[in-house]
Amino acid sequence: MLTVLNAIVNMPPRKPYNPNTAYGRRKRREEAQKYYDNLPPSQKAEVDSWSMGCLIAIVIIVLLIGFISGNMRGAVKWLSH
């Protein structure tokens, strides 16, 4: 039994997964979700406020570009997808 435990403890580290594969992207998503779930509420609120601020900024920029270029229909269509 001791040799089995010793073998487990002394195992070489696993090869890291490739983040460019579906498995790697899924593992990265799971790690990010686990990290977010373990944040205290104050840090979650900060992350959420930054995310919402970035989303609002992107929407404003797209609408501004659509207004300047005169293609407002295209900008709204792009935002709706």
C-alpha atoms as a PDB file:
ATOM      1  CA  MET A   1       0.000   0.000   0.000  1.00  0.00           C
ATOM      2  CA  LEU A   2       2.832   2.367   0.805  1.00  0.00           C
ATOM      3  CA  THR A   3       4.404   1.906  -2.629  1.00  0.00           C
ATOM      4  CA  VAL A   4       1.099   2.738  -4.327  1.00  0.00           C
ATOM      5  CA  LEU A   5       0.755   5.942  -2.305  1.00  0.00           C
ATOM      6  CA  ASN A   6       4.387   6.806  -2.972  1.00  0.00           C
ATOM      7  CA  ALA A   7       3.827   6.276  -6.692  1.00  0.00           C
ATOM      8  CA  ILE A   8       0.769   8.555  -6.640  1.00  0.00           C
ATOM      9  CA  VAL A   9       2.623  11.299  -4.765  1.00  0.00           C
ATOM     10  CA  ASN A  10       5.637  11.113  -7.084  1.00  0.00           C
ATOM     11  CA  MET A  11       3.644  11.065 -10.339  1.00  0.00           C
ATOM     12  CA  PRO A  12       4.918  13.408 -13.001  1.00  0.00           C
ATOM     13  CA  PRO A  13       2.634  16.376 -13.621  1.00  0.00           C
ATOM     14  CA  ARG A  14       0.022  15.967 -16.334  1.00  0.00           C
ATOM     15  CA  LYS A  15       0.615  17.583 -19.661  1.00  0.00           C
ATOM     16  CA  PRO A  16      -1.391  20.827 -19.724  1.00  0.00           C
ATOM     17  CA  TYR A  17      -4.383  20.817 -22.005  1.00  0.00           C
ATOM     18  CA  ASN A  18      -4.388  22.771 -25.255  1.00  0.00           C
ATOM     19  CA  PRO A  19      -6.640  25.858 -24.890  1.00  0.00           C
ATOM     20  CA  ASN A  20      -7.251  25.850 -28.661  1.00  0.00           C
ATOM     21  CA  THR A  21      -9.309  22.658 -28.597  1.00  0.00           C
ATOM     22  CA  ALA A  22     -12.932  22.190 -27.568  1.00  0.00           C
ATOM     23  CA  TYR A  23     -11.792  20.311 -24.448  1.00  0.00           C
ATOM     24  CA  GLY A  24      -9.353  23.081 -23.536  1.00  0.00           C
ATOM     25  CA  ARG A  25     -11.930  25.814 -24.034  1.00  0.00           C
ATOM     26  CA  ARG A  26     -14.417  23.882 -21.884  1.00  0.00           C
ATOM     27  CA  LYS A  27     -11.837  23.422 -19.118  1.00  0.00           C
ATOM     28  CA  ARG A  28     -10.968  27.143 -19.223  1.00  0.00           C
ATOM     29  CA  ARG A  29     -14.689  28.024 -19.006  1.00  0.00           C
ATOM     30  CA  GLU A  30     -15.113  25.680 -16.042  1.00  0.00           C
ATOM     31  CA  GLU A  31     -12.063  27.149 -14.287  1.00  0.00           C
ATOM     32  CA  ALA A  32     -13.326  30.696 -14.866  1.00  0.00           C
ATOM     33  CA  GLN A  33     -16.794  29.805 -13.566  1.00  0.00           C
ATOM     34  CA  LYS A  34     -15.303  28.132 -10.494  1.00  0.00           C
ATOM     35  CA  TYR A  35     -13.122  31.208  -9.866  1.00  0.00           C
ATOM     36  CA  TYR A  36     -16.129  33.534 -10.223  1.00  0.00           C
ATOM     37  CA  ASP A  37     -18.294  31.367  -7.962  1.00  0.00           C
ATOM     38  CA  ASN A  38     -15.644  31.506  -5.213  1.00  0.00           C
ATOM     39  CA  LEU A  39     -15.362  35.311  -5.243  1.00  0.00           C
ATOM     40  CA  PRO A  40     -16.809  37.240  -2.333  1.00  0.00           C
ATOM     41  CA  PRO A  41     -19.946  39.276  -3.146  1.00  0.00           C
ATOM     42  CA  SER A  42     -18.076  42.592  -3.211  1.00  0.00           C
ATOM     43  CA  GLN A  43     -15.644  41.358  -5.868  1.00  0.00           C
ATOM     44  CA  LYS A  44     -18.490  39.767  -7.857  1.00  0.00           C
ATOM     45  CA  ALA A  45     -20.243  43.138  -7.903  1.00  0.00           C
ATOM     46  CA  GLU A  46     -17.052  44.788  -9.142  1.00  0.00           C
ATOM     47  CA  VAL A  47     -16.607  42.231 -11.929  1.00  0.00           C
ATOM     48  CA  ASP A  48     -20.261  42.569 -12.919  1.00  0.00           C
ATOM     49  CA  SER A  49     -20.064  46.362 -13.017  1.00  0.00           C
ATOM     50  CA  TRP A  50     -16.954  46.271 -15.241  1.00  0.00           C
ATOM     51  CA  SER A  51     -18.642  43.776 -17.565  1.00  0.00           C
ATOM     52  CA  MET A  52     -21.785  45.885 -17.848  1.00  0.00           C
ATOM     53  CA  GLY A  53     -19.737  49.043 -18.403  1.00  0.00           C
ATOM     54  CA  CYS A  54     -17.815  47.416 -21.253  1.00  0.00           C
ATOM     55  CA  LEU A  55     -21.038  46.136 -22.829  1.00  0.00           C
ATOM     56  CA  ILE A  56     -22.630  49.590 -22.696  1.00  0.00           C
ATOM     57  CA  ALA A  57     -19.489  51.185 -24.167  1.00  0.00           C
ATOM     58  CA  ILE A  58     -19.481  48.720 -27.090  1.00  0.00           C
ATOM     59  CA  VAL A  59     -23.166  49.364 -27.826  1.00  0.00           C
ATOM     60  CA  ILE A  60     -22.627  53.137 -27.768  1.00  0.00           C
ATOM     61  CA  ILE A  61     -19.596  52.876 -30.067  1.00  0.00           C
ATOM     62  CA  VAL A  62     -21.465  50.710 -32.583  1.00  0.00           C
ATOM     63  CA  LEU A  63     -24.464  53.055 -32.587  1.00  0.00           C
ATOM     64  CA  LEU A  64     -22.164  56.064 -32.965  1.00  0.00           C
ATOM     65  CA  ILE A  65     -20.373  54.462 -35.925  1.00  0.00           C
ATOM     66  CA  GLY A  66     -23.734  53.598 -37.468  1.00  0.00           C
ATOM     67  CA  PHE A  67     -24.970  57.172 -36.997  1.00  0.00           C
ATOM     68  CA  ILE A  68     -21.787  58.721 -38.443  1.00  0.00           C
ATOM     69  CA  SER A  69     -21.680  56.377 -41.433  1.00  0.00           C
ATOM     70  CA  GLY A  70     -25.385  56.789 -42.114  1.00  0.00           C
ATOM     71  CA  ASN A  71     -25.969  53.047 -41.916  1.00  0.00           C
ATOM     72  CA  MET A  72     -28.008  52.906 -38.736  1.00  0.00           C
ATOM     73  CA  ARG A  73     -29.984  49.893 -39.954  1.00  0.00           C
ATOM     74  CA  GLY A  74     -26.745  47.904 -40.364  1.00  0.00           C
ATOM     75  CA  ALA A  75     -25.532  48.881 -36.894  1.00  0.00           C
ATOM     76  CA  VAL A  76     -28.813  47.845 -35.270  1.00  0.00           C
ATOM     77  CA  LYS A  77     -28.790  44.592 -37.238  1.00  0.00           C
ATOM     78  CA  TRP A  78     -25.229  43.883 -36.090  1.00  0.00           C
ATOM     79  CA  LEU A  79     -26.185  44.561 -32.467  1.00  0.00           C
ATOM     80  CA  SER A  80     -29.212  42.277 -32.665  1.00  0.00           C
ATOM     81  CA  HIS A  81     -27.144  39.256 -33.650  1.00  0.00           C
END
